[in-house]
Amino acid sequence: IYRILNDIDNLLYFQWDLRTDILEFTTNVEHSDYELQQKANPASTFLFGGDFIHPDDSIEFNNFLDKMFWLQQSNEIDYRVFSIKVRLKGKEDRGYLWTELRLMAYFDETGPVIAFGCISNINVKQLWQMELQHSAEHDVLTGFLNKAACQKHIEEYLAKLTPRDLPPALIIIDADGFKAINDSFGHLFGDGVLSDMGMA
C-alpha cells in the first residue's frame, strides 16, 4: 500500500551521507521526471558540477546547504528539517521542473552527519501559483506592477542592499494632462494611451 501511495505521490526518497558525500536514492529513479543517478559519489560534484540545478537557483541552493552545514546543534534535539523550492533538470525535453526538496539532517557534536530526504515534483502547482501571483500584482491594461506590489518589491530590494552597494534611484513618470485625454476622446481611447505607455 505504501509503495502504491508513493507511486501516486511521485516522491523520490534518498539518503545522503554527509561525511562521505555519497547520495543514494532508495526509490528507483529510472522512471522519474529528472536526470538522476541512482547513486551519486561524490554528491557535491553531481549537484554543483553540472547543470542539474537551474543557474538562477544555484546561489539560493548554496545558501540552503550552508544554512544546514553551519547550523549550531542544540542539546535538545539531534536533527533538523530543511525545505527549499528549486528548479531541477528534467529528463529529455522537459527542461527544468519546479521541485520541493525536503531534508531531515542528523547532527553530532561536529555538525550534520547524514540527511534523509525526498524530492517532489511541484512544477504544475508552482507555475499556477506564479501565474496567479503575476495576475494579482500586475495591472491588466499596462502590465505594470500595481501599487501594493510595487511597494513590496521596493521594500524587498532595499532590505537586500549592503553598505557596499551603490545608492538606489527611483524614477517616477507622470502622465501630465491625462484627464484631458479621457474627457476629450473617451475612456477607451485613454486606455489605449495607457497601454501604449506601458509598451514604451
N, C-alpha and C. Protein backbone atom coordinates (compact mmCIF):
# COMPACT_ATOMS: atom_id res chain seq x y z
N ILE A 1 0.83 -1.20 0.00
CA ILE A 1 0.00 0.00 0.00
C ILE A 1 0.87 1.25 0.00
N TYR A 2 1.93 1.26 0.85
CA TYR A 2 2.80 2.43 0.91
C TYR A 2 3.54 2.64 -0.41
N ARG A 3 3.93 1.55 -1.05
CA ARG A 3 4.61 1.67 -2.35
C ARG A 3 3.68 2.28 -3.38
N ILE A 4 2.41 1.85 -3.39
CA ILE A 4 1.43 2.39 -4.34
C ILE A 4 1.17 3.86 -4.05
N LEU A 5 1.01 4.20 -2.76
CA LEU A 5 0.82 5.60 -2.40
C LEU A 5 2.01 6.45 -2.82
N ASN A 6 3.20 5.89 -2.65
CA ASN A 6 4.41 6.61 -3.06
C ASN A 6 4.43 6.84 -4.56
N ASP A 7 4.01 5.83 -5.33
CA ASP A 7 3.96 5.98 -6.79
C ASP A 7 2.96 7.05 -7.20
N ILE A 8 1.83 7.14 -6.48
CA ILE A 8 0.83 8.16 -6.78
C ILE A 8 1.40 9.55 -6.52
N ASP A 9 2.08 9.70 -5.36
CA ASP A 9 2.65 11.00 -5.00
C ASP A 9 3.89 11.34 -5.82
N ASN A 10 4.50 10.32 -6.43
CA ASN A 10 5.69 10.52 -7.26
C ASN A 10 6.84 11.15 -6.46
N LEU A 11 7.02 10.70 -5.23
CA LEU A 11 8.11 11.18 -4.40
C LEU A 11 9.34 10.32 -4.61
N LEU A 12 10.50 10.95 -4.54
CA LEU A 12 11.77 10.24 -4.65
C LEU A 12 12.50 10.39 -3.32
N TYR A 13 12.78 9.26 -2.67
CA TYR A 13 13.44 9.29 -1.37
C TYR A 13 14.93 8.97 -1.52
N PHE A 14 15.72 9.61 -0.68
CA PHE A 14 17.17 9.39 -0.73
C PHE A 14 17.78 9.54 0.65
N GLN A 15 19.00 9.04 0.77
CA GLN A 15 19.80 9.32 1.95
C GLN A 15 21.15 9.84 1.48
N TRP A 16 21.69 10.79 2.24
CA TRP A 16 22.93 11.46 1.86
C TRP A 16 23.86 11.40 3.06
N ASP A 17 24.90 10.58 2.93
CA ASP A 17 25.94 10.51 3.96
C ASP A 17 26.84 11.73 3.79
N LEU A 18 26.73 12.68 4.71
CA LEU A 18 27.44 13.95 4.56
C LEU A 18 28.91 13.84 4.92
N ARG A 19 29.32 12.76 5.54
CA ARG A 19 30.74 12.56 5.85
C ARG A 19 31.48 12.02 4.64
N THR A 20 30.85 11.10 3.91
CA THR A 20 31.50 10.52 2.73
C THR A 20 31.03 11.19 1.44
N ASP A 21 30.01 12.04 1.52
CA ASP A 21 29.44 12.75 0.38
C ASP A 21 28.86 11.79 -0.66
N ILE A 22 28.20 10.73 -0.17
CA ILE A 22 27.54 9.77 -1.06
C ILE A 22 26.03 9.93 -0.90
N LEU A 23 25.36 10.20 -2.01
CA LEU A 23 23.90 10.34 -2.03
C LEU A 23 23.32 9.16 -2.80
N GLU A 24 22.38 8.46 -2.17
CA GLU A 24 21.80 7.27 -2.80
C GLU A 24 20.28 7.32 -2.67
N PHE A 25 19.60 7.08 -3.80
CA PHE A 25 18.15 7.07 -3.81
C PHE A 25 17.66 5.69 -3.40
N THR A 26 16.70 5.67 -2.48
CA THR A 26 16.08 4.41 -2.09
C THR A 26 14.90 4.09 -2.99
N THR A 27 14.44 5.11 -3.75
CA THR A 27 13.40 4.92 -4.76
C THR A 27 14.07 4.77 -6.12
N ASN A 28 13.53 3.90 -6.96
CA ASN A 28 14.08 3.71 -8.29
C ASN A 28 13.87 4.99 -9.12
N VAL A 29 14.97 5.56 -9.62
CA VAL A 29 14.89 6.83 -10.35
C VAL A 29 14.75 6.64 -11.86
N GLU A 30 14.72 5.38 -12.31
CA GLU A 30 14.70 5.10 -13.75
C GLU A 30 13.50 5.75 -14.43
N HIS A 31 12.35 5.73 -13.78
CA HIS A 31 11.12 6.27 -14.38
C HIS A 31 10.73 7.62 -13.79
N SER A 32 11.69 8.28 -13.17
CA SER A 32 11.40 9.59 -12.57
C SER A 32 11.37 10.67 -13.64
N ASP A 33 10.97 11.88 -13.25
CA ASP A 33 10.90 13.01 -14.17
C ASP A 33 12.25 13.69 -14.36
N TYR A 34 13.27 13.27 -13.60
CA TYR A 34 14.54 14.01 -13.53
C TYR A 34 15.71 13.23 -14.11
N GLU A 35 16.75 14.00 -14.46
CA GLU A 35 18.03 13.41 -14.88
C GLU A 35 18.82 13.05 -13.62
N LEU A 36 18.56 11.86 -13.07
CA LEU A 36 19.15 11.46 -11.80
C LEU A 36 19.99 10.20 -11.95
N GLN A 37 20.96 10.07 -11.06
CA GLN A 37 21.70 8.83 -10.92
C GLN A 37 21.19 8.13 -9.66
N GLN A 38 21.15 6.80 -9.70
CA GLN A 38 20.69 6.06 -8.52
C GLN A 38 21.61 6.32 -7.33
N LYS A 39 22.90 6.50 -7.65
CA LYS A 39 23.88 6.77 -6.60
C LYS A 39 24.85 7.81 -7.10
N ALA A 40 25.02 8.88 -6.34
CA ALA A 40 25.94 9.96 -6.72
C ALA A 40 27.10 9.98 -5.74
N ASN A 41 28.31 9.75 -6.28
CA ASN A 41 29.51 9.72 -5.45
C ASN A 41 30.67 10.37 -6.21
N PRO A 42 31.07 11.58 -5.83
CA PRO A 42 30.56 12.40 -4.73
C PRO A 42 29.30 13.17 -5.12
N ALA A 43 28.43 13.38 -4.17
CA ALA A 43 27.17 14.07 -4.43
C ALA A 43 27.38 15.53 -4.78
N SER A 44 28.38 16.17 -4.15
CA SER A 44 28.61 17.60 -4.39
C SER A 44 28.99 17.86 -5.84
N THR A 45 29.73 16.94 -6.47
CA THR A 45 30.09 17.10 -7.88
C THR A 45 28.85 16.96 -8.75
N PHE A 46 27.98 16.01 -8.41
CA PHE A 46 26.73 15.82 -9.16
C PHE A 46 25.84 17.06 -9.05
N LEU A 47 25.75 17.63 -7.84
CA LEU A 47 24.86 18.76 -7.62
C LEU A 47 25.40 20.05 -8.21
N PHE A 48 26.72 20.27 -8.08
CA PHE A 48 27.28 21.57 -8.46
C PHE A 48 28.20 21.52 -9.67
N GLY A 49 28.55 20.32 -10.12
CA GLY A 49 29.50 20.23 -11.22
C GLY A 49 28.89 20.35 -12.60
N GLY A 50 27.58 20.28 -12.69
CA GLY A 50 26.93 20.33 -14.00
C GLY A 50 25.79 21.33 -14.02
N ASP A 51 24.76 20.95 -14.76
CA ASP A 51 23.62 21.86 -14.92
C ASP A 51 22.34 21.26 -14.32
N PHE A 52 22.48 20.41 -13.30
CA PHE A 52 21.32 19.76 -12.69
C PHE A 52 20.40 20.78 -12.01
N ILE A 53 21.00 21.78 -11.36
CA ILE A 53 20.23 22.84 -10.71
C ILE A 53 20.17 24.04 -11.64
N HIS A 54 19.00 24.63 -11.80
CA HIS A 54 18.84 25.80 -12.66
C HIS A 54 19.83 26.88 -12.23
N PRO A 55 20.54 27.52 -13.19
CA PRO A 55 21.54 28.53 -12.84
C PRO A 55 21.00 29.65 -11.96
N ASP A 56 19.73 30.04 -12.16
CA ASP A 56 19.16 31.12 -11.36
C ASP A 56 18.87 30.69 -9.92
N ASP A 57 18.87 29.37 -9.66
CA ASP A 57 18.57 28.87 -8.31
C ASP A 57 19.81 28.38 -7.58
N SER A 58 20.97 28.38 -8.24
CA SER A 58 22.16 27.77 -7.65
C SER A 58 22.65 28.51 -6.40
N ILE A 59 22.57 29.84 -6.40
CA ILE A 59 23.02 30.61 -5.22
C ILE A 59 22.10 30.33 -4.04
N GLU A 60 20.78 30.32 -4.31
CA GLU A 60 19.83 30.04 -3.23
C GLU A 60 20.02 28.63 -2.69
N PHE A 61 20.31 27.67 -3.57
CA PHE A 61 20.54 26.30 -3.13
C PHE A 61 21.82 26.22 -2.30
N ASN A 62 22.84 26.95 -2.73
CA ASN A 62 24.09 27.00 -1.97
C ASN A 62 23.85 27.54 -0.56
N ASN A 63 23.08 28.61 -0.47
CA ASN A 63 22.75 29.20 0.83
C ASN A 63 21.95 28.23 1.69
N PHE A 64 21.09 27.46 1.05
CA PHE A 64 20.29 26.45 1.74
C PHE A 64 21.19 25.41 2.40
N LEU A 65 22.20 24.93 1.65
CA LEU A 65 23.12 23.94 2.20
C LEU A 65 24.03 24.56 3.26
N ASP A 66 24.47 25.81 3.03
CA ASP A 66 25.30 26.49 4.03
C ASP A 66 24.57 26.60 5.36
N LYS A 67 23.29 26.92 5.28
CA LYS A 67 22.48 27.05 6.49
C LYS A 67 22.48 25.73 7.27
N MET A 68 22.41 24.62 6.54
CA MET A 68 22.41 23.32 7.20
C MET A 68 23.79 22.99 7.79
N PHE A 69 24.84 23.23 7.02
CA PHE A 69 26.17 22.84 7.47
C PHE A 69 26.71 23.72 8.59
N TRP A 70 26.27 24.97 8.64
CA TRP A 70 26.81 25.88 9.66
C TRP A 70 25.89 26.03 10.85
N LEU A 71 24.79 25.28 10.87
CA LEU A 71 23.86 25.37 11.99
C LEU A 71 24.50 24.81 13.25
N GLN A 72 24.35 25.53 14.35
CA GLN A 72 24.86 25.06 15.62
C GLN A 72 23.84 24.09 16.23
N GLN A 73 24.33 22.93 16.61
CA GLN A 73 23.44 21.91 17.15
C GLN A 73 23.05 22.24 18.59
N SER A 74 21.75 22.09 18.89
CA SER A 74 21.29 22.30 20.27
C SER A 74 21.32 20.96 21.01
N ASN A 75 21.22 21.03 22.32
CA ASN A 75 21.27 19.81 23.13
C ASN A 75 19.93 19.08 23.16
N GLU A 76 18.84 19.80 22.85
CA GLU A 76 17.52 19.21 22.99
C GLU A 76 17.18 18.22 21.88
N ILE A 77 17.69 18.44 20.68
CA ILE A 77 17.27 17.63 19.53
C ILE A 77 18.48 17.39 18.62
N ASP A 78 18.55 16.20 18.05
CA ASP A 78 19.73 15.86 17.25
C ASP A 78 19.46 15.88 15.75
N TYR A 79 18.32 16.44 15.33
CA TYR A 79 18.04 16.55 13.90
C TYR A 79 17.32 17.87 13.62
N ARG A 80 17.37 18.28 12.35
CA ARG A 80 16.68 19.48 11.90
C ARG A 80 16.06 19.18 10.53
N VAL A 81 14.96 19.86 10.23
CA VAL A 81 14.27 19.68 8.95
C VAL A 81 14.44 20.95 8.12
N PHE A 82 14.80 20.78 6.85
CA PHE A 82 15.04 21.88 5.93
C PHE A 82 14.20 21.67 4.67
N SER A 83 13.79 22.75 4.05
CA SER A 83 12.97 22.66 2.83
C SER A 83 13.30 23.81 1.90
N ILE A 84 13.28 23.53 0.59
CA ILE A 84 13.55 24.56 -0.41
C ILE A 84 12.82 24.21 -1.71
N LYS A 85 12.45 25.24 -2.47
CA LYS A 85 11.86 25.07 -3.79
C LYS A 85 12.88 25.55 -4.82
N VAL A 86 13.29 24.65 -5.70
CA VAL A 86 14.26 24.97 -6.75
C VAL A 86 13.84 24.27 -8.04
N ARG A 87 14.47 24.68 -9.14
CA ARG A 87 14.23 24.02 -10.43
C ARG A 87 15.37 23.04 -10.70
N LEU A 88 14.99 21.78 -10.95
CA LEU A 88 15.95 20.73 -11.26
C LEU A 88 15.74 20.25 -12.69
N LYS A 89 16.82 19.77 -13.28
CA LYS A 89 16.79 19.38 -14.69
C LYS A 89 15.94 18.13 -14.90
N GLY A 90 14.95 18.25 -15.78
CA GLY A 90 14.09 17.13 -16.12
C GLY A 90 14.68 16.29 -17.24
N LYS A 91 14.10 15.14 -17.43
CA LYS A 91 14.56 14.23 -18.48
C LYS A 91 14.20 14.77 -19.86
N GLU A 92 15.05 14.45 -20.82
CA GLU A 92 14.82 14.73 -22.24
C GLU A 92 14.45 16.19 -22.47
N ASP A 93 13.27 16.44 -23.04
CA ASP A 93 12.91 17.81 -23.43
C ASP A 93 12.01 18.48 -22.40
N ARG A 94 12.03 18.01 -21.16
CA ARG A 94 11.15 18.59 -20.13
C ARG A 94 11.69 19.89 -19.57
N GLY A 95 12.92 20.22 -19.86
CA GLY A 95 13.51 21.44 -19.31
C GLY A 95 13.70 21.31 -17.81
N TYR A 96 13.61 22.42 -17.11
CA TYR A 96 13.75 22.43 -15.66
C TYR A 96 12.37 22.37 -15.02
N LEU A 97 12.26 21.61 -13.94
CA LEU A 97 10.99 21.41 -13.24
C LEU A 97 11.08 21.98 -11.83
N TRP A 98 10.05 22.73 -11.45
CA TRP A 98 9.99 23.22 -10.08
C TRP A 98 9.84 22.02 -9.14
N THR A 99 10.65 22.02 -8.10
CA THR A 99 10.75 20.87 -7.21
C THR A 99 10.83 21.33 -5.76
N GLU A 100 10.17 20.60 -4.88
CA GLU A 100 10.35 20.83 -3.46
C GLU A 100 11.29 19.76 -2.92
N LEU A 101 12.35 20.22 -2.30
CA LEU A 101 13.35 19.33 -1.71
C LEU A 101 13.26 19.46 -0.20
N ARG A 102 13.02 18.35 0.49
CA ARG A 102 12.94 18.35 1.95
C ARG A 102 14.03 17.44 2.51
N LEU A 103 14.73 17.95 3.51
CA LEU A 103 15.82 17.20 4.14
C LEU A 103 15.60 17.14 5.64
N MET A 104 15.89 15.98 6.21
CA MET A 104 15.95 15.84 7.66
C MET A 104 17.39 15.44 7.98
N ALA A 105 18.15 16.38 8.53
CA ALA A 105 19.58 16.16 8.77
C ALA A 105 19.82 15.84 10.24
N TYR A 106 20.62 14.79 10.46
CA TYR A 106 21.00 14.39 11.81
C TYR A 106 22.40 14.93 12.12
N PHE A 107 22.56 15.40 13.37
CA PHE A 107 23.78 16.06 13.78
C PHE A 107 24.48 15.28 14.90
N ASP A 108 25.79 15.43 14.95
CA ASP A 108 26.53 15.08 16.16
C ASP A 108 27.21 16.36 16.64
N GLU A 109 28.18 16.24 17.52
CA GLU A 109 28.82 17.44 18.08
C GLU A 109 29.63 18.22 17.04
N THR A 110 29.95 17.59 15.91
CA THR A 110 30.76 18.27 14.89
C THR A 110 29.92 18.94 13.80
N GLY A 111 28.65 18.55 13.69
CA GLY A 111 27.81 19.10 12.62
C GLY A 111 26.93 18.03 12.02
N PRO A 112 26.35 18.27 10.83
CA PRO A 112 25.47 17.28 10.21
C PRO A 112 26.26 16.08 9.71
N VAL A 113 25.73 14.89 9.94
CA VAL A 113 26.45 13.67 9.53
C VAL A 113 25.70 12.89 8.45
N ILE A 114 24.38 12.94 8.48
CA ILE A 114 23.60 12.22 7.47
C ILE A 114 22.26 12.94 7.30
N ALA A 115 21.75 12.88 6.08
CA ALA A 115 20.45 13.50 5.80
C ALA A 115 19.58 12.52 5.04
N PHE A 116 18.31 12.52 5.40
CA PHE A 116 17.29 11.75 4.69
C PHE A 116 16.34 12.75 4.06
N GLY A 117 15.92 12.49 2.83
CA GLY A 117 15.08 13.49 2.19
C GLY A 117 14.23 12.93 1.08
N CYS A 118 13.44 13.83 0.50
CA CYS A 118 12.61 13.46 -0.64
C CYS A 118 12.52 14.62 -1.62
N ILE A 119 12.32 14.26 -2.87
CA ILE A 119 12.15 15.21 -3.96
C ILE A 119 10.73 15.07 -4.47
N SER A 120 10.04 16.21 -4.56
CA SER A 120 8.65 16.21 -5.02
C SER A 120 8.50 17.16 -6.20
N ASN A 121 7.92 16.68 -7.30
CA ASN A 121 7.69 17.50 -8.49
C ASN A 121 6.47 18.39 -8.23
N ILE A 122 6.71 19.70 -8.11
CA ILE A 122 5.62 20.65 -7.87
C ILE A 122 5.50 21.62 -9.05
N ASN A 123 5.97 21.21 -10.22
CA ASN A 123 6.06 22.13 -11.36
C ASN A 123 4.71 22.74 -11.74
N VAL A 124 3.68 21.91 -11.90
CA VAL A 124 2.36 22.42 -12.31
C VAL A 124 1.81 23.37 -11.25
N LYS A 125 1.90 22.96 -9.99
CA LYS A 125 1.39 23.78 -8.88
C LYS A 125 2.13 25.11 -8.79
N GLN A 126 3.46 25.05 -8.92
CA GLN A 126 4.27 26.27 -8.79
C GLN A 126 4.00 27.24 -9.94
N LEU A 127 3.91 26.73 -11.17
CA LEU A 127 3.64 27.59 -12.32
C LEU A 127 2.26 28.24 -12.20
N TRP A 128 1.29 27.47 -11.70
CA TRP A 128 -0.06 28.01 -11.49
C TRP A 128 -0.04 29.11 -10.43
N GLN A 129 0.69 28.87 -9.33
CA GLN A 129 0.79 29.88 -8.27
C GLN A 129 1.50 31.14 -8.78
N MET A 130 2.53 30.96 -9.59
CA MET A 130 3.25 32.11 -10.14
C MET A 130 2.36 32.91 -11.08
N GLU A 131 1.52 32.20 -11.85
CA GLU A 131 0.59 32.90 -12.75
C GLU A 131 -0.44 33.69 -11.94
N LEU A 132 -0.95 33.08 -10.87
CA LEU A 132 -1.91 33.78 -10.01
C LEU A 132 -1.26 35.00 -9.36
N GLN A 133 -0.02 34.83 -8.90
CA GLN A 133 0.68 35.95 -8.27
C GLN A 133 0.92 37.07 -9.27
N HIS A 134 1.31 36.70 -10.49
CA HIS A 134 1.53 37.71 -11.53
C HIS A 134 0.24 38.48 -11.81
N SER A 135 -0.87 37.77 -11.89
CA SER A 135 -2.15 38.43 -12.15
C SER A 135 -2.53 39.36 -11.00
N ALA A 136 -2.24 38.94 -9.77
CA ALA A 136 -2.60 39.74 -8.60
C ALA A 136 -1.72 40.98 -8.47
N GLU A 137 -0.48 40.91 -8.98
CA GLU A 137 0.47 42.01 -8.79
C GLU A 137 0.54 42.98 -9.96
N HIS A 138 -0.02 42.62 -11.11
CA HIS A 138 0.14 43.45 -12.31
C HIS A 138 -1.19 44.02 -12.80
N ASP A 139 -1.12 45.22 -13.29
CA ASP A 139 -2.28 45.87 -13.91
C ASP A 139 -2.52 45.21 -15.27
N VAL A 140 -3.76 44.83 -15.52
CA VAL A 140 -4.10 44.12 -16.76
C VAL A 140 -3.85 45.00 -17.99
N LEU A 141 -4.13 46.28 -17.89
CA LEU A 141 -4.06 47.18 -19.03
C LEU A 141 -2.63 47.49 -19.44
N THR A 142 -1.79 47.87 -18.47
CA THR A 142 -0.43 48.34 -18.77
C THR A 142 0.64 47.27 -18.59
N GLY A 143 0.33 46.26 -17.78
CA GLY A 143 1.35 45.26 -17.46
C GLY A 143 2.29 45.71 -16.35
N PHE A 144 2.08 46.91 -15.81
CA PHE A 144 2.91 47.42 -14.72
C PHE A 144 2.51 46.78 -13.40
N LEU A 145 3.46 46.78 -12.45
CA LEU A 145 3.14 46.37 -11.09
C LEU A 145 2.11 47.33 -10.50
N ASN A 146 1.16 46.79 -9.75
CA ASN A 146 0.22 47.68 -9.06
C ASN A 146 0.91 48.30 -7.84
N LYS A 147 0.20 49.21 -7.17
CA LYS A 147 0.81 49.99 -6.08
C LYS A 147 1.33 49.09 -4.95
N ALA A 148 0.50 48.15 -4.49
CA ALA A 148 0.89 47.28 -3.38
C ALA A 148 2.11 46.42 -3.74
N ALA A 149 2.09 45.86 -4.96
CA ALA A 149 3.20 45.01 -5.39
C ALA A 149 4.47 45.83 -5.58
N CYS A 150 4.32 47.04 -6.11
CA CYS A 150 5.47 47.92 -6.32
C CYS A 150 6.11 48.25 -4.97
N GLN A 151 5.30 48.57 -4.00
CA GLN A 151 5.82 48.90 -2.67
C GLN A 151 6.53 47.69 -2.06
N LYS A 152 5.95 46.50 -2.23
CA LYS A 152 6.56 45.28 -1.70
C LYS A 152 7.92 45.01 -2.34
N HIS A 153 8.00 45.15 -3.67
CA HIS A 153 9.26 44.90 -4.38
C HIS A 153 10.33 45.92 -3.98
N ILE A 154 9.93 47.16 -3.80
CA ILE A 154 10.89 48.19 -3.37
C ILE A 154 11.43 47.86 -1.98
N GLU A 155 10.54 47.48 -1.06
CA GLU A 155 10.96 47.13 0.30
C GLU A 155 11.90 45.93 0.31
N GLU A 156 11.58 44.92 -0.52
CA GLU A 156 12.44 43.72 -0.59
C GLU A 156 13.80 44.08 -1.17
N TYR A 157 13.81 44.94 -2.18
CA TYR A 157 15.08 45.36 -2.79
C TYR A 157 15.93 46.13 -1.79
N LEU A 158 15.32 47.07 -1.10
CA LEU A 158 16.06 47.89 -0.13
C LEU A 158 16.59 47.04 1.03
N ALA A 159 15.84 46.01 1.42
CA ALA A 159 16.27 45.14 2.52
C ALA A 159 17.51 44.33 2.15
N LYS A 160 17.72 44.08 0.86
CA LYS A 160 18.87 43.29 0.41
C LYS A 160 20.14 44.13 0.21
N LEU A 161 20.00 45.45 0.22
CA LEU A 161 21.16 46.31 -0.01
C LEU A 161 22.17 46.21 1.12
N THR A 162 23.43 46.27 0.76
CA THR A 162 24.52 46.31 1.73
C THR A 162 25.23 47.65 1.61
N PRO A 163 26.03 48.01 2.61
CA PRO A 163 26.75 49.29 2.54
C PRO A 163 27.66 49.42 1.32
N ARG A 164 28.05 48.29 0.72
CA ARG A 164 28.94 48.34 -0.45
C ARG A 164 28.20 48.61 -1.75
N ASP A 165 26.87 48.44 -1.74
CA ASP A 165 26.09 48.68 -2.96
C ASP A 165 25.97 50.17 -3.25
N LEU A 166 25.82 50.48 -4.55
CA LEU A 166 25.57 51.86 -4.94
C LEU A 166 24.20 52.29 -4.44
N PRO A 167 24.04 53.57 -4.08
CA PRO A 167 22.71 54.01 -3.62
C PRO A 167 21.68 53.89 -4.74
N PRO A 168 20.49 53.39 -4.42
CA PRO A 168 19.47 53.19 -5.46
C PRO A 168 18.82 54.51 -5.87
N ALA A 169 18.15 54.48 -7.02
CA ALA A 169 17.40 55.64 -7.51
C ALA A 169 16.03 55.18 -7.96
N LEU A 170 15.05 56.04 -7.80
CA LEU A 170 13.69 55.74 -8.22
C LEU A 170 13.22 56.81 -9.19
N ILE A 171 12.77 56.39 -10.35
CA ILE A 171 12.26 57.33 -11.37
C ILE A 171 10.75 57.21 -11.44
N ILE A 172 10.06 58.32 -11.33
CA ILE A 172 8.60 58.35 -11.42
C ILE A 172 8.21 59.12 -12.68
N ILE A 173 7.39 58.51 -13.51
CA ILE A 173 6.91 59.17 -14.73
C ILE A 173 5.44 59.54 -14.53
N ASP A 174 5.12 60.81 -14.71
CA ASP A 174 3.76 61.30 -14.53
C ASP A 174 3.17 61.61 -15.91
N ALA A 175 1.97 61.10 -16.17
CA ALA A 175 1.29 61.38 -17.44
C ALA A 175 0.51 62.68 -17.30
N ASP A 176 1.18 63.79 -17.58
CA ASP A 176 0.53 65.10 -17.45
C ASP A 176 -0.62 65.24 -18.44
N GLY A 177 -1.70 65.84 -17.98
CA GLY A 177 -2.83 66.13 -18.86
C GLY A 177 -3.62 64.91 -19.27
N PHE A 178 -3.48 63.82 -18.56
CA PHE A 178 -4.18 62.59 -18.97
C PHE A 178 -5.70 62.73 -18.82
N LYS A 179 -6.16 63.48 -17.83
CA LYS A 179 -7.60 63.68 -17.64
C LYS A 179 -8.21 64.33 -18.89
N ALA A 180 -7.47 65.24 -19.49
CA ALA A 180 -7.98 65.91 -20.70
C ALA A 180 -8.16 64.91 -21.85
N ILE A 181 -7.29 63.91 -21.93
CA ILE A 181 -7.41 62.88 -22.97
C ILE A 181 -8.70 62.09 -22.76
N ASN A 182 -8.93 61.68 -21.51
CA ASN A 182 -10.17 60.95 -21.21
C ASN A 182 -11.41 61.81 -21.51
N ASP A 183 -11.36 63.08 -21.10
CA ASP A 183 -12.53 63.96 -21.29
C ASP A 183 -12.79 64.25 -22.76
N SER A 184 -11.73 64.38 -23.55
CA SER A 184 -11.89 64.75 -24.97
C SER A 184 -12.18 63.56 -25.86
N PHE A 185 -11.52 62.43 -25.60
CA PHE A 185 -11.62 61.30 -26.53
C PHE A 185 -12.32 60.06 -25.94
N GLY A 186 -12.60 60.09 -24.64
CA GLY A 186 -13.28 58.96 -24.02
C GLY A 186 -12.32 58.01 -23.32
N HIS A 187 -12.87 57.19 -22.43
CA HIS A 187 -12.04 56.30 -21.61
C HIS A 187 -11.40 55.18 -22.41
N LEU A 188 -12.06 54.71 -23.46
CA LEU A 188 -11.46 53.65 -24.28
C LEU A 188 -10.18 54.15 -24.95
N PHE A 189 -10.24 55.38 -25.46
CA PHE A 189 -9.04 55.96 -26.07
C PHE A 189 -7.96 56.16 -25.00
N GLY A 190 -8.40 56.63 -23.82
CA GLY A 190 -7.46 56.81 -22.70
C GLY A 190 -6.79 55.50 -22.31
N ASP A 191 -7.59 54.42 -22.31
CA ASP A 191 -6.99 53.10 -22.01
C ASP A 191 -5.93 52.73 -23.04
N GLY A 192 -6.19 53.07 -24.30
CA GLY A 192 -5.20 52.80 -25.36
C GLY A 192 -3.92 53.57 -25.13
N VAL A 193 -4.04 54.83 -24.70
CA VAL A 193 -2.85 55.64 -24.40
C VAL A 193 -2.05 55.01 -23.25
N LEU A 194 -2.75 54.61 -22.18
CA LEU A 194 -2.06 53.97 -21.06
C LEU A 194 -1.37 52.68 -21.48
N SER A 195 -2.06 51.90 -22.31
CA SER A 195 -1.48 50.65 -22.81
C SER A 195 -0.23 50.92 -23.63
N ASP A 196 -0.28 51.95 -24.50
CA ASP A 196 0.90 52.31 -25.31
C ASP A 196 2.05 52.78 -24.40
N MET A 197 1.71 53.52 -23.34
CA MET A 197 2.75 53.97 -22.41
C MET A 197 3.42 52.77 -21.72
N GLY A 198 2.63 51.76 -21.40
CA GLY A 198 3.17 50.56 -20.80
C GLY A 198 4.10 49.80 -21.72
N MET A 199 3.84 49.87 -23.02
CA MET A 199 4.68 49.17 -24.01
C MET A 199 5.95 49.94 -24.34
N ALA A 200 5.97 51.25 -24.05
CA ALA A 200 7.11 52.10 -24.43
C ALA A 200 8.35 51.79 -23.60
